[in-house]
């Protein structure tokens, strides 16, 4: 049995090293340099090309390199019999919460405004706002959403959440799906941490973004398919939205001709809100590899119907 690494835009060498440090006898193959396709039972994937896994006849499990799995699930060539797992890691969770807090502070302290003025060599003082005066709405209240909410509360922000079912966390007001309009109306900063499903695709569209308060900020650290980029740009240009902090995009790397690069109200980061450390997660992946070999239930297995 062997493990194959299929990872576009990621350096596989740290992953190979992490696995070999744990078990020097592991057979680790890196796509496309495959010695024996029939030996591959377990794959580790990031942004693979669709159809690539069809060449491995004995594949049983595909593990995502990160918390997200949409890059795997959107490949409809993968048989339903193949199980999919995701990473649940304290470091990833902490990093995401830190990144959300950073972008919230970035907005209320006008740092995008001042960065642009620095480029223009223009000196202008602009009053900033306090966290205690700002309501942050978090769409998606799983592990990452809860961690971000707690960190924001600790730093003075008011926090609301949106999820399928009502949640009970002290100091955080919980909204459910049929209360979306009220949730949006109260979100001075909107943070998207939703899973991508048929129901959440394009949820950040013109109609919904227009329901945010005047001068609201949008932070998307979930999936690019949640956001209709042209609708966002229109509302930024119209002055309804004041800032968008985007870490995920319809096309990655972001094309050089995208308006998002140079838009004065957009902050672009290259999908770095939380990055998997191979040394931190190798144990849980190897645990699932051994569970697969022993026909045991997998940890952090994704429900392919729910898509999370």
Protein backbone atom coordinates (compact mmCIF):
# COMPACT_ATOMS: atom_id res chain seq x y z
CA UNK A 1 0.00 0.00 0.00
CA UNK A 2 1.22 3.50 -0.80
CA UNK A 3 0.26 7.14 -0.41
CA UNK A 4 0.21 9.59 -3.30
CA UNK A 5 0.58 13.36 -2.93
CA UNK A 6 -1.33 15.38 -5.52
CA UNK A 7 -0.85 19.05 -4.74
CA UNK A 8 -0.97 21.93 -7.19
CA UNK A 9 0.58 25.21 -5.97
CA UNK A 10 2.02 23.46 -2.90
CA UNK A 11 5.57 22.20 -2.39
CA UNK A 12 5.33 18.45 -1.67
CA UNK A 13 8.82 18.15 -0.17
CA UNK A 14 7.87 19.23 3.40
CA UNK A 15 5.03 16.70 3.33
CA UNK A 16 7.26 13.85 2.20
CA UNK A 17 9.79 14.78 4.87
CA UNK A 18 7.12 14.89 7.61
CA UNK A 19 5.79 11.46 6.69
CA UNK A 20 9.25 9.93 6.42
CA UNK A 21 10.21 11.36 9.82
CA UNK A 22 7.26 9.51 11.32
CA UNK A 23 7.69 6.31 9.35
CA UNK A 24 10.77 5.89 7.10
CA UNK A 25 9.26 2.76 5.59
CA UNK A 26 6.23 4.49 4.12
CA UNK A 27 5.86 4.34 0.37
CA UNK A 28 5.18 7.99 -0.56
CA UNK A 29 4.73 8.85 -4.23
CA UNK A 30 4.40 12.36 -5.62
CA UNK A 31 2.19 12.90 -8.65
CA UNK A 32 2.91 12.77 -11.56
CA UNK A 33 6.01 10.65 -10.83
CA UNK A 34 4.15 7.44 -9.99
CA UNK A 35 6.02 4.16 -9.88
CA UNK A 36 3.03 1.86 -9.43
CA UNK A 37 -0.55 3.13 -9.80
CA UNK A 38 -1.96 -0.16 -8.53
CA UNK A 39 -0.24 0.24 -5.16
CA UNK A 40 -1.92 3.57 -4.39
CA UNK A 41 -4.75 3.24 -1.86
CA UNK A 42 -4.58 6.61 -0.11
CA UNK A 43 -4.24 10.10 -1.63
CA UNK A 44 -3.51 13.50 -0.13
CA UNK A 45 -4.87 16.30 -2.27
CA UNK A 46 -4.81 20.04 -2.77
CA UNK A 47 -6.37 21.67 -5.85
CA UNK A 48 -5.92 18.58 -8.01
CA UNK A 49 -6.83 18.52 -11.68
CA UNK A 50 -10.24 16.94 -12.19
CA UNK A 51 -10.10 13.34 -13.31
CA UNK A 52 -6.59 12.70 -12.02
CA UNK A 53 -7.73 10.13 -9.46
CA UNK A 54 -9.45 7.95 -12.05
CA UNK A 55 -6.06 6.43 -12.92
CA UNK A 56 -5.72 4.81 -9.47
CA UNK A 57 -7.92 1.68 -9.55
CA UNK A 58 -7.37 0.77 -5.89
CA UNK A 59 -7.83 4.19 -4.33
CA UNK A 60 -9.95 4.12 -1.16
CA UNK A 61 -9.43 7.46 0.60
CA UNK A 62 -8.65 11.04 -0.42
CA UNK A 63 -7.47 13.30 2.40
CA UNK A 64 -7.59 17.07 1.98
CA UNK A 65 -4.41 18.93 2.91
CA UNK A 66 -6.56 21.50 4.68
CA UNK A 67 -9.85 22.09 6.42
CA UNK A 68 -11.67 22.65 3.13
CA UNK A 69 -12.78 19.80 0.89
CA UNK A 70 -14.66 21.53 -1.92
CA UNK A 71 -11.63 21.23 -4.20
CA UNK A 72 -12.16 17.46 -3.91
CA UNK A 73 -15.96 17.24 -3.89
CA UNK A 74 -16.42 19.34 -7.01
CA UNK A 75 -14.58 16.68 -9.02
CA UNK A 76 -17.55 14.56 -10.10
CA UNK A 77 -15.27 11.91 -11.61
CA UNK A 78 -14.40 10.62 -8.12
CA UNK A 79 -16.48 7.51 -7.36
CA UNK A 80 -18.88 7.70 -4.41
CA UNK A 81 -17.14 4.68 -2.91
CA UNK A 82 -13.99 6.70 -2.23
CA UNK A 83 -14.04 8.31 1.21
CA UNK A 84 -12.98 11.91 1.77
CA UNK A 85 -11.44 13.35 4.95
CA UNK A 86 -10.47 16.83 6.07
CA UNK A 87 -7.96 18.29 8.48
CA UNK A 88 -9.05 19.40 11.94
CA UNK A 89 -6.06 21.03 13.58
CA UNK A 90 -5.71 23.43 16.50
CA UNK A 91 -3.05 25.42 14.66
CA UNK A 92 -5.30 25.89 11.62
CA UNK A 93 -8.17 26.95 13.85
CA UNK A 94 -6.05 29.46 15.77
CA UNK A 95 -4.53 30.86 12.59
CA UNK A 96 -7.96 31.40 11.03
CA UNK A 97 -9.29 33.13 14.15
CA UNK A 98 -6.21 35.38 14.21
CA UNK A 99 -6.65 36.24 10.54
CA UNK A 100 -10.31 37.16 10.97
CA UNK A 101 -9.46 39.39 13.94
CA UNK A 102 -6.62 40.99 11.97
CA UNK A 103 -8.93 41.87 9.07
CA UNK A 104 -11.63 43.24 11.35
CA UNK A 105 -9.09 45.54 13.00
CA UNK A 106 -7.64 46.36 9.57
CA UNK A 107 -11.04 47.69 8.55
CA UNK A 108 -12.02 49.71 11.59
CA UNK A 109 -8.54 51.28 11.89
CA UNK A 110 -8.66 52.40 8.21
CA UNK A 111 -5.38 50.69 7.31
CA UNK A 112 -6.33 50.16 3.66
CA UNK A 113 -7.09 53.90 3.43
CA UNK A 114 -3.73 54.83 4.96
CA UNK A 115 -1.81 52.33 2.81
CA UNK A 116 -3.28 53.89 -0.33
CA UNK A 117 -2.43 57.37 0.95
CA UNK A 118 1.16 56.25 1.52
CA UNK A 119 1.41 55.18 -2.13
CA UNK A 120 -0.06 58.54 -3.16
CA UNK A 121 2.17 60.44 -0.69
CA UNK A 122 -0.99 61.99 0.70
CA UNK A 123 -1.28 62.91 4.39
CA UNK A 124 -4.86 62.67 5.70
CA UNK A 125 -6.16 61.89 9.17
CA UNK A 126 -9.30 59.75 9.40
CA UNK A 127 -11.12 58.86 12.60
CA UNK A 128 -11.20 55.16 13.44
CA UNK A 129 -13.83 53.10 15.26
CA UNK A 130 -13.70 51.01 18.41
CA UNK A 131 -14.37 47.23 18.46
CA UNK A 132 -17.04 47.74 21.12
CA UNK A 133 -19.10 49.72 18.59
CA UNK A 134 -18.95 47.11 15.83
CA UNK A 135 -21.19 44.10 15.21
CA UNK A 136 -19.47 41.27 13.37
CA UNK A 137 -21.69 38.68 11.71
CA UNK A 138 -20.11 35.26 11.18
CA UNK A 139 -21.71 33.11 8.52
CA UNK A 140 -20.96 29.49 9.32
CA UNK A 141 -20.53 28.42 12.91
CA UNK A 142 -18.47 25.26 12.83
CA UNK A 143 -15.07 24.84 14.46
CA UNK A 144 -13.53 27.81 12.64
CA UNK A 145 -16.52 30.09 13.08
CA UNK A 146 -16.74 29.46 16.81
CA UNK A 147 -13.01 30.07 17.28
CA UNK A 148 -13.18 33.33 15.35
CA UNK A 149 -16.23 34.46 17.34
CA UNK A 150 -14.57 33.80 20.68
CA UNK A 151 -11.42 35.67 19.66
CA UNK A 152 -13.43 38.65 18.42
CA UNK A 153 -15.42 38.75 21.68
CA UNK A 154 -12.20 38.71 23.70
CA UNK A 155 -11.08 41.76 21.74
CA UNK A 156 -14.24 43.73 22.35
CA UNK A 157 -16.32 43.14 19.21
CA UNK A 158 -20.02 42.33 19.35
CA UNK A 159 -20.63 39.05 17.51
CA UNK A 160 -23.64 37.43 15.85
CA UNK A 161 -23.66 34.03 14.16
CA UNK A 162 -25.60 32.40 11.33
CA UNK A 163 -25.98 28.62 11.11
CA UNK A 164 -28.47 25.89 10.22
CA UNK A 165 -29.46 25.31 13.84
CA UNK A 166 -29.63 27.64 16.83
CA UNK A 167 -26.38 27.79 18.83
CA UNK A 168 -25.90 28.62 22.47
CA UNK A 169 -22.65 30.47 23.23
CA UNK A 170 -22.66 33.12 25.91
CA UNK A 171 -22.53 36.64 24.55
CA UNK A 172 -23.11 35.63 20.91
CA UNK A 173 -26.51 36.07 19.31
CA UNK A 174 -27.46 33.12 17.10
CA UNK A 175 -29.48 33.42 13.89
CA UNK A 176 -30.69 30.55 11.72
CA UNK A 177 -31.12 30.34 7.95
CA UNK A 178 -34.62 31.83 7.72
CA UNK A 179 -33.38 34.87 9.68
CA UNK A 180 -30.72 35.76 7.10
CA UNK A 181 -32.12 39.21 6.33
CA UNK A 182 -32.08 40.32 9.97
CA UNK A 183 -28.60 38.84 10.45
CA UNK A 184 -27.26 40.74 7.45
CA UNK A 185 -28.92 44.00 8.51
CA UNK A 186 -26.96 43.89 11.78
CA UNK A 187 -23.58 42.90 10.31
CA UNK A 188 -21.29 45.91 10.10
CA UNK A 189 -18.54 43.43 9.29
CA UNK A 190 -19.60 40.22 7.53
CA UNK A 191 -17.28 37.21 7.81
CA UNK A 192 -17.95 34.22 5.55
CA UNK A 193 -16.83 30.89 6.99
CA UNK A 194 -19.55 28.76 5.43
CA UNK A 195 -19.00 25.35 3.88
CA UNK A 196 -19.70 25.35 0.16
CA UNK A 197 -22.96 23.57 -0.65
CA UNK A 198 -25.70 23.99 -3.24
CA UNK A 199 -27.47 26.28 -0.75
CA UNK A 200 -24.46 28.49 -0.06
CA UNK A 201 -23.10 28.95 -3.60
CA UNK A 202 -23.28 32.63 -4.60
CA UNK A 203 -24.83 33.56 -1.25
CA UNK A 204 -22.71 36.71 -1.25
CA UNK A 205 -24.59 38.17 -4.19
CA UNK A 206 -25.87 41.68 -4.90
CA UNK A 207 -29.24 41.20 -3.18
CA UNK A 208 -27.75 39.84 0.04
CA UNK A 209 -24.76 42.19 0.16
CA UNK A 210 -27.11 45.13 -0.35
CA UNK A 211 -28.86 44.14 2.90
CA UNK A 212 -25.71 44.90 4.88
CA UNK A 213 -25.56 48.30 6.60
CA UNK A 214 -24.13 51.26 4.72
CA UNK A 215 -20.29 51.17 4.74
CA UNK A 216 -20.16 47.53 5.84
CA UNK A 217 -17.01 45.46 5.40
CA UNK A 218 -16.93 41.97 3.85
CA UNK A 219 -14.36 39.31 4.73
CA UNK A 220 -14.34 36.09 2.71
CA UNK A 221 -12.04 33.40 4.06
CA UNK A 222 -14.23 30.45 3.10
CA UNK A 223 -14.61 29.56 -0.59
CA UNK A 224 -14.60 31.67 -3.73
CA UNK A 225 -17.90 30.13 -4.88
CA UNK A 226 -19.70 31.94 -2.06
CA UNK A 227 -18.98 35.33 -3.60
CA UNK A 228 -20.19 36.91 -6.85
CA UNK A 229 -17.15 39.07 -7.46
CA UNK A 230 -18.79 41.45 -9.96
CA UNK A 231 -21.66 42.12 -7.51
CA UNK A 232 -19.15 42.91 -4.78
CA UNK A 233 -17.22 45.32 -7.00
CA UNK A 234 -20.43 47.10 -7.99
CA UNK A 235 -21.41 47.68 -4.34
CA UNK A 236 -17.89 48.87 -3.50
CA UNK A 237 -17.97 51.26 -6.45
CA UNK A 238 -21.46 52.48 -5.48
CA UNK A 239 -20.23 53.27 -1.98
CA UNK A 240 -22.57 50.87 -0.18
CA UNK A 241 -19.64 48.73 0.99
CA UNK A 242 -16.47 50.28 2.36
CA UNK A 243 -14.00 47.39 2.22
CA UNK A 244 -13.59 43.78 1.13
CA UNK A 245 -10.84 41.54 2.48
CA UNK A 246 -10.58 38.53 0.19
CA UNK A 247 -8.41 35.45 0.68
CA UNK A 248 -10.13 33.17 -1.87
CA UNK A 249 -10.91 33.78 -5.54
CA UNK A 250 -12.79 32.26 -8.48
CA UNK A 251 -9.46 31.73 -10.24
CA UNK A 252 -6.28 31.08 -8.26
CA UNK A 253 -3.69 32.43 -8.70
CA UNK A 254 -5.68 35.62 -9.20
CA UNK A 255 -5.25 36.71 -12.85
CA UNK A 256 -3.14 39.81 -13.38
CA UNK A 257 -5.99 41.54 -15.21
CA UNK A 258 -8.43 41.17 -12.30
CA UNK A 259 -9.84 44.47 -11.03
CA UNK A 260 -9.50 43.16 -7.49
CA UNK A 261 -5.72 43.68 -7.52
CA UNK A 262 -5.92 47.44 -7.87
CA UNK A 263 -9.32 48.25 -6.40
CA UNK A 264 -8.85 50.88 -3.67
CA UNK A 265 -11.39 49.16 -1.39
CA UNK A 266 -10.14 45.58 -1.76
CA UNK A 267 -7.44 43.77 0.21
CA UNK A 268 -6.04 40.70 -1.56
CA UNK A 269 -4.23 37.84 0.15
CA UNK A 270 -3.27 34.60 -1.70
CA UNK A 271 -5.29 31.98 0.20
CA UNK A 272 -3.15 32.23 3.34
CA UNK A 273 -5.72 32.76 6.11
CA UNK A 274 -4.64 29.45 7.62
CA UNK A 275 -1.99 27.18 6.14
CA UNK A 276 -1.46 23.57 7.05
CA UNK A 277 1.82 22.69 8.76
CA UNK A 278 2.67 19.12 7.64
CA UNK A 279 4.43 18.36 10.94
CA UNK A 280 1.30 19.40 12.84
CA UNK A 281 -1.15 17.19 10.93
CA UNK A 282 0.87 14.19 9.82
CA UNK A 283 -0.22 12.11 12.81
CA UNK A 284 -3.93 12.40 12.06
CA UNK A 285 -3.40 11.57 8.39
CA UNK A 286 -1.30 8.52 9.25
CA UNK A 287 -3.92 7.50 11.79
CA UNK A 288 -6.51 7.44 9.01
CA UNK A 289 -4.12 5.61 6.70
CA UNK A 290 -3.79 2.88 9.31
CA UNK A 291 -7.54 2.90 9.94
CA UNK A 292 -8.11 2.39 6.21
CA UNK A 293 -5.73 -0.58 6.19
CA UNK A 294 -7.58 -2.09 9.15
CA UNK A 295 -11.06 -1.37 7.72
CA UNK A 296 -11.86 0.90 10.67
CA UNK A 297 -13.97 4.07 10.62
CA UNK A 298 -12.06 7.21 9.62
CA UNK A 299 -11.66 10.37 11.68
CA UNK A 300 -12.91 13.68 10.25
CA UNK A 301 -14.67 11.92 7.38
CA UNK A 302 -16.75 14.20 5.19
CA UNK A 303 -20.42 13.53 4.52
CA UNK A 304 -20.38 13.80 0.76
CA UNK A 305 -24.10 14.58 0.60
CA UNK A 306 -23.83 17.48 3.06
CA UNK A 307 -20.43 18.47 1.57
CA UNK A 308 -18.83 18.99 4.99
